[in-house]
Amino acid sequence: MVEVALLSFIVAMTGGGVLAVRGVRRQRVSLPMALAHGALALTALGLLAARVFNGPRVILFNDALLVFALAAVGGLLLFIFRLDKEAPPVVVVVLHALVASAGLILLVAGVVRH
């Protein structure tokens, strides 16, 4: 289950990278792509949460879950900007990406060590 979550996060983060590049280039960001990015990331978050709450204790998985949850809050903020048809502040985009990347590093470390 953790491996599926990991793969899902990687795919979601790839889509997020595409969204970020389009935003930086001042190109229109696709709402369906943004929704797919968020839905896939939330699905992965749910899979990781199921593993954390139902499996043996792995601290790195717990940490990754917390960090990805923080990234989800940033993603929600970005989505609110999108709904208001405003360009989000670049700092929010960068922080969202950095926090999600930190979560991915923790998750990969947990998978490798476990």
N, C-alpha and C. Protein backbone atom coordinates (compact mmCIF):
# COMPACT_ATOMS: atom_id res chain seq x y z
N MET A 1 0.82 -1.19 0.00
CA MET A 1 0.00 0.00 0.00
C MET A 1 0.87 1.26 0.00
N VAL A 2 1.98 1.25 0.72
CA VAL A 2 2.86 2.42 0.77
C VAL A 2 3.49 2.67 -0.59
N GLU A 3 3.80 1.59 -1.30
CA GLU A 3 4.40 1.75 -2.62
C GLU A 3 3.43 2.41 -3.59
N VAL A 4 2.14 2.08 -3.49
CA VAL A 4 1.12 2.70 -4.34
C VAL A 4 0.99 4.18 -3.97
N ALA A 5 1.03 4.47 -2.69
CA ALA A 5 0.99 5.88 -2.25
C ALA A 5 2.20 6.63 -2.79
N LEU A 6 3.36 6.01 -2.71
CA LEU A 6 4.59 6.65 -3.20
C LEU A 6 4.47 6.94 -4.69
N LEU A 7 4.06 5.98 -5.47
CA LEU A 7 3.90 6.17 -6.91
C LEU A 7 2.86 7.25 -7.20
N SER A 8 1.77 7.25 -6.45
CA SER A 8 0.72 8.25 -6.63
C SER A 8 1.24 9.65 -6.32
N PHE A 9 2.03 9.78 -5.26
CA PHE A 9 2.62 11.08 -4.93
C PHE A 9 3.57 11.54 -6.04
N ILE A 10 4.35 10.63 -6.58
CA ILE A 10 5.28 10.99 -7.65
C ILE A 10 4.53 11.49 -8.88
N VAL A 11 3.47 10.79 -9.25
CA VAL A 11 2.67 11.22 -10.41
C VAL A 11 2.00 12.57 -10.11
N ALA A 12 1.46 12.72 -8.91
CA ALA A 12 0.82 13.99 -8.54
C ALA A 12 1.84 15.13 -8.56
N MET A 13 3.04 14.87 -8.08
CA MET A 13 4.06 15.91 -8.05
C MET A 13 4.55 16.26 -9.45
N THR A 14 4.54 15.30 -10.34
CA THR A 14 4.89 15.58 -11.73
C THR A 14 3.85 16.53 -12.34
N GLY A 15 2.59 16.22 -12.10
CA GLY A 15 1.53 17.11 -12.57
C GLY A 15 1.62 18.49 -11.94
N GLY A 16 1.97 18.53 -10.67
CA GLY A 16 2.15 19.81 -9.99
C GLY A 16 3.28 20.61 -10.59
N GLY A 17 4.33 19.92 -10.99
CA GLY A 17 5.44 20.61 -11.66
C GLY A 17 5.00 21.24 -12.96
N VAL A 18 4.19 20.50 -13.71
CA VAL A 18 3.64 21.05 -14.98
C VAL A 18 2.79 22.28 -14.68
N LEU A 19 1.94 22.19 -13.67
CA LEU A 19 1.10 23.33 -13.30
C LEU A 19 1.95 24.54 -12.90
N ALA A 20 3.00 24.29 -12.13
CA ALA A 20 3.87 25.38 -11.67
C ALA A 20 4.58 26.05 -12.84
N VAL A 21 5.10 25.24 -13.76
CA VAL A 21 5.80 25.80 -14.92
C VAL A 21 4.84 26.64 -15.76
N ARG A 22 3.64 26.13 -15.97
CA ARG A 22 2.65 26.90 -16.75
C ARG A 22 2.32 28.21 -16.04
N GLY A 23 2.21 28.17 -14.72
CA GLY A 23 1.91 29.39 -13.98
C GLY A 23 3.03 30.40 -14.06
N VAL A 24 4.27 29.94 -13.95
CA VAL A 24 5.42 30.84 -14.02
C VAL A 24 5.52 31.47 -15.41
N ARG A 25 5.16 30.70 -16.43
CA ARG A 25 5.19 31.22 -17.81
C ARG A 25 3.95 32.06 -18.14
N ARG A 26 3.13 32.29 -17.14
CA ARG A 26 1.90 33.07 -17.29
C ARG A 26 0.94 32.46 -18.31
N GLN A 27 0.99 31.13 -18.42
CA GLN A 27 0.05 30.42 -19.27
C GLN A 27 -1.15 30.02 -18.43
N ARG A 28 -2.25 29.78 -19.09
CA ARG A 28 -3.46 29.37 -18.38
C ARG A 28 -3.23 28.01 -17.73
N VAL A 29 -3.57 27.93 -16.45
CA VAL A 29 -3.45 26.68 -15.71
C VAL A 29 -4.78 25.94 -15.85
N SER A 30 -4.72 24.72 -16.29
CA SER A 30 -5.91 23.91 -16.55
C SER A 30 -6.60 23.52 -15.24
N LEU A 31 -7.86 23.88 -15.11
CA LEU A 31 -8.62 23.49 -13.92
C LEU A 31 -8.74 21.97 -13.80
N PRO A 32 -9.05 21.24 -14.89
CA PRO A 32 -9.11 19.78 -14.76
C PRO A 32 -7.77 19.18 -14.31
N MET A 33 -6.66 19.74 -14.80
CA MET A 33 -5.36 19.22 -14.38
C MET A 33 -5.11 19.54 -12.90
N ALA A 34 -5.50 20.72 -12.48
CA ALA A 34 -5.34 21.08 -11.07
C ALA A 34 -6.18 20.17 -10.18
N LEU A 35 -7.40 19.88 -10.62
CA LEU A 35 -8.27 18.98 -9.86
C LEU A 35 -7.70 17.56 -9.83
N ALA A 36 -7.17 17.09 -10.95
CA ALA A 36 -6.57 15.75 -11.00
C ALA A 36 -5.35 15.69 -10.08
N HIS A 37 -4.53 16.74 -10.11
CA HIS A 37 -3.35 16.81 -9.24
C HIS A 37 -3.76 16.70 -7.77
N GLY A 38 -4.75 17.49 -7.39
CA GLY A 38 -5.21 17.47 -6.00
C GLY A 38 -5.86 16.16 -5.62
N ALA A 39 -6.68 15.62 -6.51
CA ALA A 39 -7.37 14.35 -6.21
C ALA A 39 -6.38 13.21 -6.06
N LEU A 40 -5.39 13.17 -6.94
CA LEU A 40 -4.39 12.10 -6.84
C LEU A 40 -3.56 12.25 -5.57
N ALA A 41 -3.18 13.47 -5.24
CA ALA A 41 -2.40 13.70 -4.02
C ALA A 41 -3.22 13.34 -2.77
N LEU A 42 -4.51 13.70 -2.77
CA LEU A 42 -5.35 13.35 -1.62
C LEU A 42 -5.58 11.84 -1.51
N THR A 43 -5.68 11.17 -2.66
CA THR A 43 -5.80 9.71 -2.65
C THR A 43 -4.55 9.09 -2.05
N ALA A 44 -3.39 9.59 -2.48
CA ALA A 44 -2.13 9.09 -1.94
C ALA A 44 -2.03 9.37 -0.44
N LEU A 45 -2.50 10.55 -0.04
CA LEU A 45 -2.49 10.90 1.38
C LEU A 45 -3.37 9.93 2.17
N GLY A 46 -4.52 9.58 1.62
CA GLY A 46 -5.40 8.61 2.28
C GLY A 46 -4.77 7.24 2.38
N LEU A 47 -4.10 6.81 1.31
CA LEU A 47 -3.41 5.51 1.35
C LEU A 47 -2.31 5.51 2.41
N LEU A 48 -1.56 6.60 2.46
CA LEU A 48 -0.50 6.69 3.47
C LEU A 48 -1.09 6.72 4.87
N ALA A 49 -2.18 7.46 5.05
CA ALA A 49 -2.84 7.52 6.37
C ALA A 49 -3.34 6.14 6.78
N ALA A 50 -3.91 5.39 5.83
CA ALA A 50 -4.38 4.04 6.15
C ALA A 50 -3.22 3.17 6.61
N ARG A 51 -2.07 3.32 5.97
CA ARG A 51 -0.89 2.52 6.37
C ARG A 51 -0.40 2.95 7.75
N VAL A 52 -0.37 4.26 7.99
CA VAL A 52 0.12 4.76 9.28
C VAL A 52 -0.78 4.29 10.42
N PHE A 53 -2.10 4.34 10.22
CA PHE A 53 -3.02 4.02 11.29
C PHE A 53 -3.30 2.53 11.44
N ASN A 54 -3.02 1.74 10.39
CA ASN A 54 -3.33 0.31 10.44
C ASN A 54 -2.13 -0.62 10.38
N GLY A 55 -0.96 -0.08 10.12
CA GLY A 55 0.21 -0.94 9.98
C GLY A 55 1.16 -0.79 11.14
N PRO A 56 2.26 -1.51 11.06
CA PRO A 56 3.28 -1.36 12.09
C PRO A 56 3.84 0.07 12.10
N ARG A 57 4.32 0.48 13.24
CA ARG A 57 4.80 1.85 13.40
C ARG A 57 6.12 2.06 12.65
N VAL A 58 6.10 3.03 11.75
CA VAL A 58 7.32 3.46 11.05
C VAL A 58 7.32 4.99 11.15
N ILE A 59 8.23 5.51 11.95
CA ILE A 59 8.25 6.94 12.25
C ILE A 59 8.35 7.78 10.97
N LEU A 60 9.14 7.34 10.01
CA LEU A 60 9.28 8.11 8.78
C LEU A 60 7.96 8.21 8.01
N PHE A 61 7.14 7.18 8.08
CA PHE A 61 5.82 7.25 7.44
C PHE A 61 4.93 8.26 8.17
N ASN A 62 5.00 8.25 9.50
CA ASN A 62 4.24 9.22 10.30
C ASN A 62 4.66 10.64 9.95
N ASP A 63 5.97 10.86 9.88
CA ASP A 63 6.49 12.19 9.55
C ASP A 63 6.06 12.60 8.14
N ALA A 64 6.16 11.67 7.20
CA ALA A 64 5.76 11.97 5.82
C ALA A 64 4.28 12.35 5.76
N LEU A 65 3.45 11.63 6.50
CA LEU A 65 2.02 11.93 6.52
C LEU A 65 1.78 13.35 7.02
N LEU A 66 2.43 13.73 8.09
CA LEU A 66 2.28 15.07 8.64
C LEU A 66 2.72 16.14 7.63
N VAL A 67 3.86 15.92 7.01
CA VAL A 67 4.40 16.89 6.05
C VAL A 67 3.50 16.98 4.82
N PHE A 68 3.03 15.84 4.32
CA PHE A 68 2.11 15.87 3.17
C PHE A 68 0.79 16.54 3.54
N ALA A 69 0.34 16.38 4.76
CA ALA A 69 -0.89 17.07 5.20
C ALA A 69 -0.68 18.58 5.18
N LEU A 70 0.50 19.03 5.59
CA LEU A 70 0.81 20.46 5.52
C LEU A 70 0.84 20.93 4.06
N ALA A 71 1.40 20.11 3.19
CA ALA A 71 1.42 20.45 1.76
C ALA A 71 0.00 20.53 1.21
N ALA A 72 -0.88 19.67 1.71
CA ALA A 72 -2.27 19.69 1.26
C ALA A 72 -2.95 21.00 1.65
N VAL A 73 -2.63 21.51 2.82
CA VAL A 73 -3.19 22.80 3.24
C VAL A 73 -2.71 23.90 2.28
N GLY A 74 -1.43 23.86 1.93
CA GLY A 74 -0.92 24.82 0.95
C GLY A 74 -1.60 24.66 -0.40
N GLY A 75 -1.84 23.42 -0.80
CA GLY A 75 -2.53 23.17 -2.06
C GLY A 75 -3.95 23.70 -2.04
N LEU A 76 -4.61 23.57 -0.92
CA LEU A 76 -5.97 24.12 -0.79
C LEU A 76 -5.94 25.63 -0.93
N LEU A 77 -4.95 26.27 -0.33
CA LEU A 77 -4.81 27.71 -0.45
C LEU A 77 -4.59 28.11 -1.91
N LEU A 78 -3.75 27.36 -2.61
CA LEU A 78 -3.51 27.63 -4.04
C LEU A 78 -4.80 27.46 -4.84
N PHE A 79 -5.57 26.44 -4.50
CA PHE A 79 -6.83 26.20 -5.21
C PHE A 79 -7.82 27.33 -4.97
N ILE A 80 -7.83 27.88 -3.77
CA ILE A 80 -8.70 29.02 -3.48
C ILE A 80 -8.31 30.21 -4.34
N PHE A 81 -7.01 30.46 -4.49
CA PHE A 81 -6.57 31.52 -5.40
C PHE A 81 -7.07 31.24 -6.81
N ARG A 82 -7.00 29.98 -7.23
CA ARG A 82 -7.43 29.61 -8.59
C ARG A 82 -8.93 29.87 -8.76
N LEU A 83 -9.72 29.54 -7.76
CA LEU A 83 -11.16 29.77 -7.85
C LEU A 83 -11.49 31.26 -7.90
N ASP A 84 -10.68 32.07 -7.23
CA ASP A 84 -10.88 33.52 -7.26
C ASP A 84 -10.29 34.16 -8.52
N LYS A 85 -9.74 33.31 -9.39
CA LYS A 85 -9.13 33.76 -10.65
C LYS A 85 -8.00 34.75 -10.41
N GLU A 86 -7.27 34.52 -9.33
CA GLU A 86 -6.10 35.34 -9.00
C GLU A 86 -4.86 34.48 -9.16
N ALA A 87 -3.78 35.11 -9.55
CA ALA A 87 -2.50 34.41 -9.59
C ALA A 87 -2.02 34.27 -8.14
N PRO A 88 -1.67 33.05 -7.74
CA PRO A 88 -1.21 32.88 -6.36
C PRO A 88 0.18 33.49 -6.19
N PRO A 89 0.50 33.93 -4.98
CA PRO A 89 1.86 34.42 -4.74
C PRO A 89 2.88 33.31 -5.00
N VAL A 90 3.95 33.67 -5.65
CA VAL A 90 4.98 32.68 -6.00
C VAL A 90 5.51 32.00 -4.74
N VAL A 91 5.60 32.73 -3.65
CA VAL A 91 6.12 32.15 -2.41
C VAL A 91 5.24 31.00 -1.94
N VAL A 92 3.93 31.10 -2.12
CA VAL A 92 3.03 30.02 -1.71
C VAL A 92 3.25 28.79 -2.60
N VAL A 93 3.42 29.03 -3.89
CA VAL A 93 3.68 27.92 -4.82
C VAL A 93 4.99 27.22 -4.45
N VAL A 94 6.02 28.01 -4.19
CA VAL A 94 7.34 27.45 -3.86
C VAL A 94 7.28 26.69 -2.53
N LEU A 95 6.64 27.27 -1.53
CA LEU A 95 6.53 26.58 -0.23
C LEU A 95 5.74 25.27 -0.37
N HIS A 96 4.65 25.30 -1.12
CA HIS A 96 3.86 24.09 -1.35
C HIS A 96 4.73 23.00 -1.97
N ALA A 97 5.51 23.37 -2.99
CA ALA A 97 6.37 22.40 -3.67
C ALA A 97 7.48 21.89 -2.75
N LEU A 98 8.07 22.78 -1.97
CA LEU A 98 9.16 22.36 -1.06
C LEU A 98 8.64 21.44 0.04
N VAL A 99 7.50 21.77 0.59
CA VAL A 99 6.94 20.92 1.66
C VAL A 99 6.58 19.55 1.10
N ALA A 100 5.95 19.52 -0.08
CA ALA A 100 5.61 18.23 -0.70
C ALA A 100 6.87 17.43 -1.02
N SER A 101 7.91 18.12 -1.47
CA SER A 101 9.17 17.43 -1.77
C SER A 101 9.78 16.84 -0.50
N ALA A 102 9.70 17.58 0.59
CA ALA A 102 10.20 17.06 1.87
C ALA A 102 9.41 15.82 2.28
N GLY A 103 8.11 15.85 2.08
CA GLY A 103 7.28 14.68 2.38
C GLY A 103 7.69 13.48 1.54
N LEU A 104 7.96 13.73 0.27
CA LEU A 104 8.38 12.64 -0.62
C LEU A 104 9.71 12.05 -0.17
N ILE A 105 10.64 12.89 0.22
CA ILE A 105 11.94 12.41 0.71
C ILE A 105 11.74 11.54 1.95
N LEU A 106 10.90 11.99 2.88
CA LEU A 106 10.63 11.19 4.08
C LEU A 106 9.98 9.85 3.73
N LEU A 107 9.06 9.89 2.79
CA LEU A 107 8.36 8.65 2.40
C LEU A 107 9.32 7.68 1.72
N VAL A 108 10.15 8.18 0.84
CA VAL A 108 11.15 7.32 0.17
C VAL A 108 12.10 6.74 1.21
N ALA A 109 12.55 7.56 2.14
CA ALA A 109 13.45 7.07 3.19
C ALA A 109 12.77 5.98 4.02
N GLY A 110 11.50 6.16 4.32
CA GLY A 110 10.76 5.14 5.06
C GLY A 110 10.62 3.85 4.29
N VAL A 111 10.34 3.95 2.99
CA VAL A 111 10.21 2.74 2.16
C VAL A 111 11.55 2.03 2.06
N VAL A 112 12.63 2.78 1.89
CA VAL A 112 13.95 2.17 1.76
C VAL A 112 14.38 1.51 3.07
N ARG A 113 14.11 2.14 4.18
CA ARG A 113 14.54 1.61 5.49
C ARG A 113 13.63 0.48 5.99
N HIS A 114 12.41 0.45 5.53
CA HIS A 114 11.46 -0.53 6.05
C HIS A 114 11.54 -1.78 5.29
